[in-house]
Amino acid sequence: QTDTFAVEAVHLGHLYKIVIGHNGLGSGNGWFLDKVVIKDPVTDLDYTFLCHRWLDEGQDDGNIARELTVTDDSMFPGRQELELKREETWAAEKWKFQKGNTLQFYNRLIRGFICLSPDSRVNALGDKKSKYGKVFFMWMYA
C-alpha cells in the first residue's frame, strides 16, 4: 500500500536526511517502510529516502524510528536496487548461518579454505583441502 500525505512546512532547502517514526502506541502499530519520497514544490526536486525495514518493536531490530539519508543515484550508483533487495536476499541466504552448518570460504589470495564451525570457531589457516566434503562454498576475492 502507498500512503500519500500533503504537509505544509517552511522551505528547508536541500534535504540530506530525515527522521521518521511513530510513538508505538496502539495494537498493531508497527509498519514496514519501503521508502519516503519528498516532492519539493519550490525546486521541483524529488528526494528519495530508502528504508526497506520495519518500524515495529516486535520486528527486525525493534526500532520504531529511523534516520534516513537521501538516496542520490549519482553518489550511490546501484544503491537503490541493493537496498530494495536486502531483506529478500537475507531471507534466501540466512539458512547458511543456522546452527549446525559449517561454512567454508575459499580465499583465492591464500589459495585455501577458511572454515566457520557450528560452535563459532574460525579456522583461518587456509587449509588447501576441504575438511567437510561437499558443503556450501562462499568465494572470497581479495
N, C-alpha and C. Protein backbone atom coordinates (compact mmCIF):
# COMPACT_ATOMS: atom_id res chain seq x y z
N GLN A 1 0.85 -1.17 0.00
CA GLN A 1 0.00 0.00 0.00
C GLN A 1 0.89 1.22 0.00
N THR A 2 0.47 2.26 -0.65
CA THR A 2 1.19 3.52 -0.68
C THR A 2 0.32 4.58 -0.01
N ASP A 3 0.90 5.28 0.96
CA ASP A 3 0.21 6.37 1.62
C ASP A 3 0.83 7.68 1.16
N THR A 4 0.00 8.65 0.84
CA THR A 4 0.46 9.96 0.40
C THR A 4 -0.07 11.02 1.36
N PHE A 5 0.83 11.90 1.80
CA PHE A 5 0.47 12.95 2.73
C PHE A 5 0.92 14.29 2.18
N ALA A 6 0.10 15.29 2.31
CA ALA A 6 0.49 16.66 1.99
C ALA A 6 0.80 17.36 3.30
N VAL A 7 2.01 17.88 3.42
CA VAL A 7 2.43 18.55 4.65
C VAL A 7 2.88 19.96 4.30
N GLU A 8 2.31 20.94 4.96
CA GLU A 8 2.73 22.32 4.76
C GLU A 8 3.86 22.63 5.74
N ALA A 9 4.94 23.17 5.20
CA ALA A 9 6.10 23.50 6.04
C ALA A 9 6.89 24.61 5.37
N VAL A 10 7.77 25.24 6.15
CA VAL A 10 8.67 26.23 5.56
C VAL A 10 9.64 25.50 4.66
N HIS A 11 10.18 26.21 3.68
CA HIS A 11 11.15 25.58 2.78
C HIS A 11 12.46 25.37 3.53
N LEU A 12 12.97 24.14 3.49
CA LEU A 12 14.16 23.78 4.25
C LEU A 12 15.43 23.74 3.40
N GLY A 13 15.31 24.05 2.13
CA GLY A 13 16.48 23.96 1.25
C GLY A 13 16.68 22.51 0.83
N HIS A 14 17.91 22.18 0.47
CA HIS A 14 18.21 20.80 0.05
C HIS A 14 18.17 19.86 1.25
N LEU A 15 17.52 18.74 1.08
CA LEU A 15 17.38 17.76 2.16
C LEU A 15 18.48 16.71 2.05
N TYR A 16 19.05 16.34 3.19
CA TYR A 16 20.09 15.32 3.23
C TYR A 16 19.67 14.11 4.06
N LYS A 17 18.92 14.36 5.12
CA LYS A 17 18.43 13.24 5.92
C LYS A 17 17.15 13.63 6.63
N ILE A 18 16.41 12.59 7.00
CA ILE A 18 15.16 12.79 7.74
C ILE A 18 15.12 11.77 8.87
N VAL A 19 14.27 12.04 9.86
CA VAL A 19 13.98 11.07 10.91
C VAL A 19 12.48 10.79 10.81
N ILE A 20 12.12 9.52 10.74
CA ILE A 20 10.72 9.14 10.62
C ILE A 20 10.44 8.03 11.62
N GLY A 21 9.26 8.05 12.20
CA GLY A 21 8.90 7.02 13.16
C GLY A 21 7.48 7.22 13.67
N HIS A 22 7.15 6.49 14.71
CA HIS A 22 5.83 6.62 15.34
C HIS A 22 6.00 6.44 16.84
N ASN A 23 4.92 6.66 17.59
CA ASN A 23 5.02 6.65 19.05
C ASN A 23 4.88 5.26 19.67
N GLY A 24 4.57 4.25 18.88
CA GLY A 24 4.49 2.88 19.39
C GLY A 24 3.22 2.58 20.17
N LEU A 25 2.27 3.50 20.15
CA LEU A 25 1.04 3.29 20.91
C LEU A 25 -0.01 2.58 20.05
N GLY A 26 -0.79 1.75 20.69
CA GLY A 26 -1.89 1.07 20.00
C GLY A 26 -1.51 -0.31 19.51
N SER A 27 -2.49 -1.15 19.38
CA SER A 27 -2.28 -2.51 18.92
C SER A 27 -1.98 -2.52 17.43
N GLY A 28 -1.01 -3.31 17.01
CA GLY A 28 -0.67 -3.43 15.60
C GLY A 28 -0.15 -2.15 14.99
N ASN A 29 0.62 -1.39 15.76
CA ASN A 29 1.07 -0.09 15.29
C ASN A 29 2.30 -0.15 14.38
N GLY A 30 2.98 -1.27 14.32
CA GLY A 30 4.19 -1.37 13.51
C GLY A 30 3.88 -1.37 12.03
N TRP A 31 4.86 -0.95 11.24
CA TRP A 31 4.70 -0.97 9.80
C TRP A 31 6.04 -1.11 9.11
N PHE A 32 5.97 -1.65 7.92
CA PHE A 32 7.16 -1.82 7.09
C PHE A 32 7.28 -0.60 6.19
N LEU A 33 8.41 0.08 6.26
CA LEU A 33 8.63 1.28 5.47
C LEU A 33 9.61 0.98 4.35
N ASP A 34 9.12 1.04 3.13
CA ASP A 34 9.97 0.81 1.97
C ASP A 34 10.81 2.04 1.67
N LYS A 35 10.14 3.18 1.49
CA LYS A 35 10.87 4.41 1.19
C LYS A 35 9.97 5.61 1.45
N VAL A 36 10.62 6.76 1.52
CA VAL A 36 9.93 8.03 1.64
C VAL A 36 10.37 8.88 0.45
N VAL A 37 9.40 9.45 -0.25
CA VAL A 37 9.71 10.37 -1.35
C VAL A 37 9.11 11.72 -0.98
N ILE A 38 9.96 12.72 -0.92
CA ILE A 38 9.52 14.07 -0.62
C ILE A 38 9.63 14.89 -1.90
N LYS A 39 8.52 15.46 -2.31
CA LYS A 39 8.48 16.30 -3.51
C LYS A 39 8.51 17.75 -3.07
N ASP A 40 9.56 18.46 -3.49
CA ASP A 40 9.72 19.86 -3.13
C ASP A 40 9.09 20.73 -4.22
N PRO A 41 7.95 21.40 -3.93
CA PRO A 41 7.30 22.20 -4.96
C PRO A 41 8.06 23.48 -5.32
N VAL A 42 8.96 23.92 -4.45
CA VAL A 42 9.72 25.14 -4.73
C VAL A 42 10.81 24.87 -5.77
N THR A 43 11.55 23.77 -5.61
CA THR A 43 12.65 23.46 -6.52
C THR A 43 12.25 22.43 -7.57
N ASP A 44 11.09 21.81 -7.42
CA ASP A 44 10.61 20.75 -8.31
C ASP A 44 11.53 19.53 -8.26
N LEU A 45 12.17 19.30 -7.11
CA LEU A 45 13.03 18.14 -6.92
C LEU A 45 12.31 17.09 -6.10
N ASP A 46 12.64 15.84 -6.35
CA ASP A 46 12.17 14.72 -5.53
C ASP A 46 13.34 14.19 -4.72
N TYR A 47 13.13 14.01 -3.43
CA TYR A 47 14.14 13.44 -2.55
C TYR A 47 13.66 12.05 -2.14
N THR A 48 14.47 11.04 -2.39
CA THR A 48 14.11 9.67 -2.04
C THR A 48 14.97 9.21 -0.88
N PHE A 49 14.31 8.66 0.14
CA PHE A 49 14.97 8.13 1.32
C PHE A 49 14.58 6.67 1.44
N LEU A 50 15.51 5.77 1.18
CA LEU A 50 15.22 4.34 1.25
C LEU A 50 15.31 3.85 2.68
N CYS A 51 14.42 2.95 3.02
CA CYS A 51 14.44 2.34 4.35
C CYS A 51 14.42 0.83 4.21
N HIS A 52 13.35 0.30 3.66
CA HIS A 52 13.14 -1.14 3.45
C HIS A 52 13.33 -1.92 4.75
N ARG A 53 12.76 -1.38 5.84
CA ARG A 53 12.86 -2.02 7.15
C ARG A 53 11.58 -1.79 7.93
N TRP A 54 11.44 -2.53 9.01
CA TRP A 54 10.28 -2.41 9.90
C TRP A 54 10.47 -1.27 10.89
N LEU A 55 9.38 -0.60 11.20
CA LEU A 55 9.29 0.32 12.33
C LEU A 55 8.30 -0.35 13.27
N ASP A 56 8.80 -1.28 14.06
CA ASP A 56 7.95 -2.14 14.88
C ASP A 56 8.79 -2.72 16.00
N GLU A 57 8.33 -2.58 17.23
CA GLU A 57 9.06 -3.10 18.38
C GLU A 57 9.18 -4.62 18.36
N GLY A 58 8.32 -5.30 17.60
CA GLY A 58 8.35 -6.76 17.54
C GLY A 58 8.97 -7.34 16.28
N GLN A 59 9.52 -6.50 15.42
CA GLN A 59 10.10 -6.95 14.15
C GLN A 59 11.51 -6.38 13.98
N ASP A 60 12.29 -7.03 13.12
CA ASP A 60 13.60 -6.51 12.72
C ASP A 60 14.43 -6.22 13.98
N ASP A 61 14.93 -5.00 14.15
CA ASP A 61 15.74 -4.67 15.32
C ASP A 61 14.94 -3.98 16.43
N GLY A 62 13.62 -3.89 16.27
CA GLY A 62 12.77 -3.33 17.30
C GLY A 62 12.66 -1.81 17.31
N ASN A 63 13.31 -1.13 16.40
CA ASN A 63 13.24 0.33 16.36
C ASN A 63 11.91 0.80 15.78
N ILE A 64 11.37 1.88 16.34
CA ILE A 64 10.14 2.46 15.82
C ILE A 64 10.41 3.82 15.18
N ALA A 65 11.67 4.20 15.09
CA ALA A 65 12.07 5.42 14.41
C ALA A 65 13.38 5.15 13.69
N ARG A 66 13.56 5.79 12.56
CA ARG A 66 14.78 5.60 11.76
C ARG A 66 15.26 6.93 11.21
N GLU A 67 16.58 7.08 11.15
CA GLU A 67 17.20 8.22 10.48
C GLU A 67 17.59 7.74 9.08
N LEU A 68 17.08 8.41 8.06
CA LEU A 68 17.31 8.00 6.68
C LEU A 68 18.10 9.09 5.95
N THR A 69 19.05 8.67 5.14
CA THR A 69 19.86 9.57 4.34
C THR A 69 19.34 9.56 2.91
N VAL A 70 19.35 10.72 2.27
CA VAL A 70 18.84 10.83 0.91
C VAL A 70 19.61 9.88 -0.01
N THR A 71 18.89 9.28 -0.93
CA THR A 71 19.50 8.42 -1.94
C THR A 71 19.75 9.27 -3.16
N ASP A 72 21.00 9.37 -3.52
CA ASP A 72 21.36 10.14 -4.70
C ASP A 72 22.03 9.19 -5.67
N ASP A 73 21.39 8.91 -6.80
CA ASP A 73 21.90 7.93 -7.74
C ASP A 73 23.28 8.29 -8.28
N SER A 74 23.62 9.56 -8.34
CA SER A 74 24.94 9.92 -8.84
C SER A 74 26.02 9.62 -7.81
N MET A 75 25.66 9.71 -6.49
CA MET A 75 26.63 9.41 -5.44
C MET A 75 26.69 7.92 -5.13
N PHE A 76 25.57 7.22 -5.26
CA PHE A 76 25.49 5.82 -4.88
C PHE A 76 24.91 5.01 -6.04
N PRO A 77 25.66 4.81 -7.12
CA PRO A 77 25.10 4.06 -8.24
C PRO A 77 24.70 2.66 -7.83
N GLY A 78 23.49 2.28 -8.17
CA GLY A 78 23.01 0.94 -7.86
C GLY A 78 22.55 0.73 -6.43
N ARG A 79 22.70 1.72 -5.57
CA ARG A 79 22.36 1.55 -4.15
C ARG A 79 20.87 1.26 -3.96
N GLN A 80 20.04 1.93 -4.74
CA GLN A 80 18.60 1.76 -4.57
C GLN A 80 18.21 0.30 -4.80
N GLU A 81 18.71 -0.29 -5.86
CA GLU A 81 18.38 -1.68 -6.14
C GLU A 81 18.92 -2.60 -5.04
N LEU A 82 20.11 -2.32 -4.54
CA LEU A 82 20.69 -3.12 -3.46
C LEU A 82 19.84 -3.05 -2.20
N GLU A 83 19.45 -1.86 -1.82
CA GLU A 83 18.67 -1.69 -0.61
C GLU A 83 17.31 -2.36 -0.71
N LEU A 84 16.70 -2.28 -1.87
CA LEU A 84 15.38 -2.87 -2.03
C LEU A 84 15.42 -4.39 -1.98
N LYS A 85 16.56 -4.98 -2.25
CA LYS A 85 16.68 -6.44 -2.27
C LYS A 85 17.31 -7.00 -1.00
N ARG A 86 17.72 -6.13 -0.06
CA ARG A 86 18.42 -6.59 1.14
C ARG A 86 17.62 -7.63 1.92
N GLU A 87 16.38 -7.34 2.21
CA GLU A 87 15.59 -8.26 3.01
C GLU A 87 15.30 -9.56 2.28
N GLU A 88 15.01 -9.49 0.99
CA GLU A 88 14.75 -10.70 0.22
C GLU A 88 16.00 -11.58 0.15
N THR A 89 17.16 -10.95 -0.01
CA THR A 89 18.41 -11.69 -0.08
C THR A 89 18.69 -12.40 1.24
N TRP A 90 18.52 -11.69 2.36
CA TRP A 90 18.77 -12.31 3.65
C TRP A 90 17.83 -13.48 3.89
N ALA A 91 16.56 -13.34 3.51
CA ALA A 91 15.60 -14.43 3.68
C ALA A 91 16.04 -15.67 2.92
N ALA A 92 16.63 -15.47 1.76
CA ALA A 92 17.08 -16.60 0.95
C ALA A 92 18.41 -17.18 1.42
N GLU A 93 19.23 -16.39 2.08
CA GLU A 93 20.59 -16.82 2.43
C GLU A 93 20.80 -17.16 3.89
N LYS A 94 19.86 -16.84 4.79
CA LYS A 94 20.11 -17.00 6.22
C LYS A 94 20.26 -18.45 6.65
N TRP A 95 19.76 -19.39 5.86
CA TRP A 95 19.91 -20.80 6.22
C TRP A 95 21.37 -21.20 6.37
N LYS A 96 22.25 -20.54 5.65
CA LYS A 96 23.67 -20.86 5.70
C LYS A 96 24.27 -20.60 7.07
N PHE A 97 23.63 -19.72 7.84
CA PHE A 97 24.18 -19.31 9.12
C PHE A 97 23.43 -19.93 10.30
N GLN A 98 22.60 -20.92 10.03
CA GLN A 98 21.88 -21.59 11.10
C GLN A 98 22.81 -22.52 11.86
N LYS A 99 22.47 -22.74 13.11
CA LYS A 99 23.27 -23.59 13.98
C LYS A 99 23.43 -24.97 13.36
N GLY A 100 24.65 -25.46 13.39
CA GLY A 100 24.94 -26.79 12.86
C GLY A 100 25.56 -26.78 11.48
N ASN A 101 25.43 -25.69 10.75
CA ASN A 101 26.03 -25.61 9.41
C ASN A 101 27.49 -25.17 9.52
N THR A 102 28.33 -25.73 8.69
CA THR A 102 29.72 -25.32 8.60
C THR A 102 29.92 -24.60 7.28
N LEU A 103 30.45 -23.40 7.34
CA LEU A 103 30.71 -22.64 6.13
C LEU A 103 32.18 -22.69 5.81
N GLN A 104 32.48 -22.79 4.54
CA GLN A 104 33.86 -22.73 4.08
C GLN A 104 33.96 -21.62 3.05
N PHE A 105 34.93 -20.77 3.25
CA PHE A 105 35.20 -19.70 2.31
C PHE A 105 36.50 -20.06 1.60
N TYR A 106 36.53 -20.00 0.31
CA TYR A 106 37.77 -20.21 -0.41
C TYR A 106 38.36 -18.85 -0.72
N ASN A 107 39.59 -18.63 -0.26
CA ASN A 107 40.26 -17.37 -0.47
C ASN A 107 41.29 -17.57 -1.58
N ARG A 108 41.08 -16.88 -2.70
CA ARG A 108 42.00 -17.05 -3.83
C ARG A 108 43.39 -16.52 -3.54
N LEU A 109 43.49 -15.53 -2.66
CA LEU A 109 44.79 -14.95 -2.35
C LEU A 109 45.70 -15.97 -1.67
N ILE A 110 45.18 -16.68 -0.67
CA ILE A 110 45.99 -17.68 0.04
C ILE A 110 45.79 -19.08 -0.53
N ARG A 111 44.87 -19.21 -1.47
CA ARG A 111 44.55 -20.49 -2.13
C ARG A 111 44.24 -21.58 -1.10
N GLY A 112 43.35 -21.22 -0.19
CA GLY A 112 42.96 -22.18 0.83
C GLY A 112 41.59 -21.86 1.39
N PHE A 113 41.08 -22.80 2.21
CA PHE A 113 39.76 -22.67 2.79
C PHE A 113 39.83 -22.05 4.18
N ILE A 114 38.89 -21.19 4.47
CA ILE A 114 38.71 -20.64 5.81
C ILE A 114 37.36 -21.17 6.27
N CYS A 115 37.34 -21.83 7.44
CA CYS A 115 36.12 -22.50 7.90
C CYS A 115 35.53 -21.81 9.12
N LEU A 116 34.19 -21.67 9.09
CA LEU A 116 33.44 -21.19 10.24
C LEU A 116 32.67 -22.39 10.78
N SER A 117 33.00 -22.82 12.00
CA SER A 117 32.40 -24.01 12.59
C SER A 117 31.09 -23.70 13.28
N PRO A 118 30.26 -24.73 13.48
CA PRO A 118 28.98 -24.54 14.17
C PRO A 118 29.12 -23.98 15.58
N ASP A 119 30.27 -24.22 16.24
CA ASP A 119 30.47 -23.73 17.60
C ASP A 119 31.11 -22.33 17.62
N SER A 120 31.07 -21.63 16.48
CA SER A 120 31.56 -20.27 16.32
C SER A 120 33.07 -20.15 16.24
N ARG A 121 33.79 -21.27 16.15
CA ARG A 121 35.24 -21.20 15.96
C ARG A 121 35.54 -20.89 14.51
N VAL A 122 36.66 -20.20 14.27
CA VAL A 122 37.10 -19.88 12.92
C VAL A 122 38.46 -20.52 12.70
N ASN A 123 38.58 -21.30 11.64
CA ASN A 123 39.86 -21.87 11.24
C ASN A 123 40.32 -21.06 10.05
N ALA A 124 41.26 -20.16 10.29
CA ALA A 124 41.73 -19.26 9.24
C ALA A 124 43.13 -19.64 8.76
N LEU A 125 43.48 -20.92 8.88
CA LEU A 125 44.80 -21.36 8.47
C LEU A 125 44.93 -21.49 6.96
N GLY A 126 43.84 -21.47 6.26
CA GLY A 126 43.90 -21.57 4.80
C GLY A 126 44.21 -22.97 4.33
N ASP A 127 43.55 -23.97 4.95
CA ASP A 127 43.78 -25.35 4.55
C ASP A 127 43.56 -25.52 3.05
N LYS A 128 44.40 -26.32 2.43
CA LYS A 128 44.35 -26.48 0.98
C LYS A 128 43.22 -27.40 0.53
N LYS A 129 42.70 -28.25 1.42
CA LYS A 129 41.63 -29.17 1.06
C LYS A 129 40.42 -28.94 1.96
N SER A 130 39.27 -29.24 1.45
CA SER A 130 38.04 -29.15 2.21
C SER A 130 38.01 -30.25 3.26
N LYS A 131 37.74 -29.90 4.52
CA LYS A 131 37.66 -30.89 5.59
C LYS A 131 36.27 -31.52 5.69
N TYR A 132 35.30 -30.90 5.10
CA TYR A 132 33.93 -31.30 5.34
C TYR A 132 33.23 -31.88 4.12
N GLY A 133 33.96 -32.24 3.12
CA GLY A 133 33.33 -32.80 1.92
C GLY A 133 32.54 -31.75 1.20
N LYS A 134 31.37 -32.11 0.75
CA LYS A 134 30.55 -31.19 -0.02
C LYS A 134 29.72 -30.33 0.93
N VAL A 135 30.10 -29.08 1.02
CA VAL A 135 29.33 -28.11 1.77
C VAL A 135 29.20 -26.86 0.92
N PHE A 136 28.40 -25.95 1.37
CA PHE A 136 28.23 -24.70 0.66
C PHE A 136 29.54 -23.90 0.69
N PHE A 137 29.93 -23.37 -0.43
CA PHE A 137 31.14 -22.56 -0.52
C PHE A 137 30.78 -21.13 -0.83
N MET A 138 31.43 -20.22 -0.15
CA MET A 138 31.32 -18.80 -0.48
C MET A 138 32.68 -18.37 -0.97
N TRP A 139 32.73 -17.75 -2.11
CA TRP A 139 34.01 -17.33 -2.70
C TRP A 139 34.37 -15.95 -2.22
N MET A 140 35.57 -15.82 -1.71
CA MET A 140 36.06 -14.51 -1.28
C MET A 140 37.12 -14.07 -2.26
N TYR A 141 37.03 -12.83 -2.66
CA TYR A 141 38.04 -12.28 -3.55
C TYR A 141 38.80 -11.21 -2.80
N ALA A 142 40.09 -11.37 -2.77
CA ALA A 142 40.91 -10.38 -2.07
C ALA A 142 41.79 -9.65 -3.06
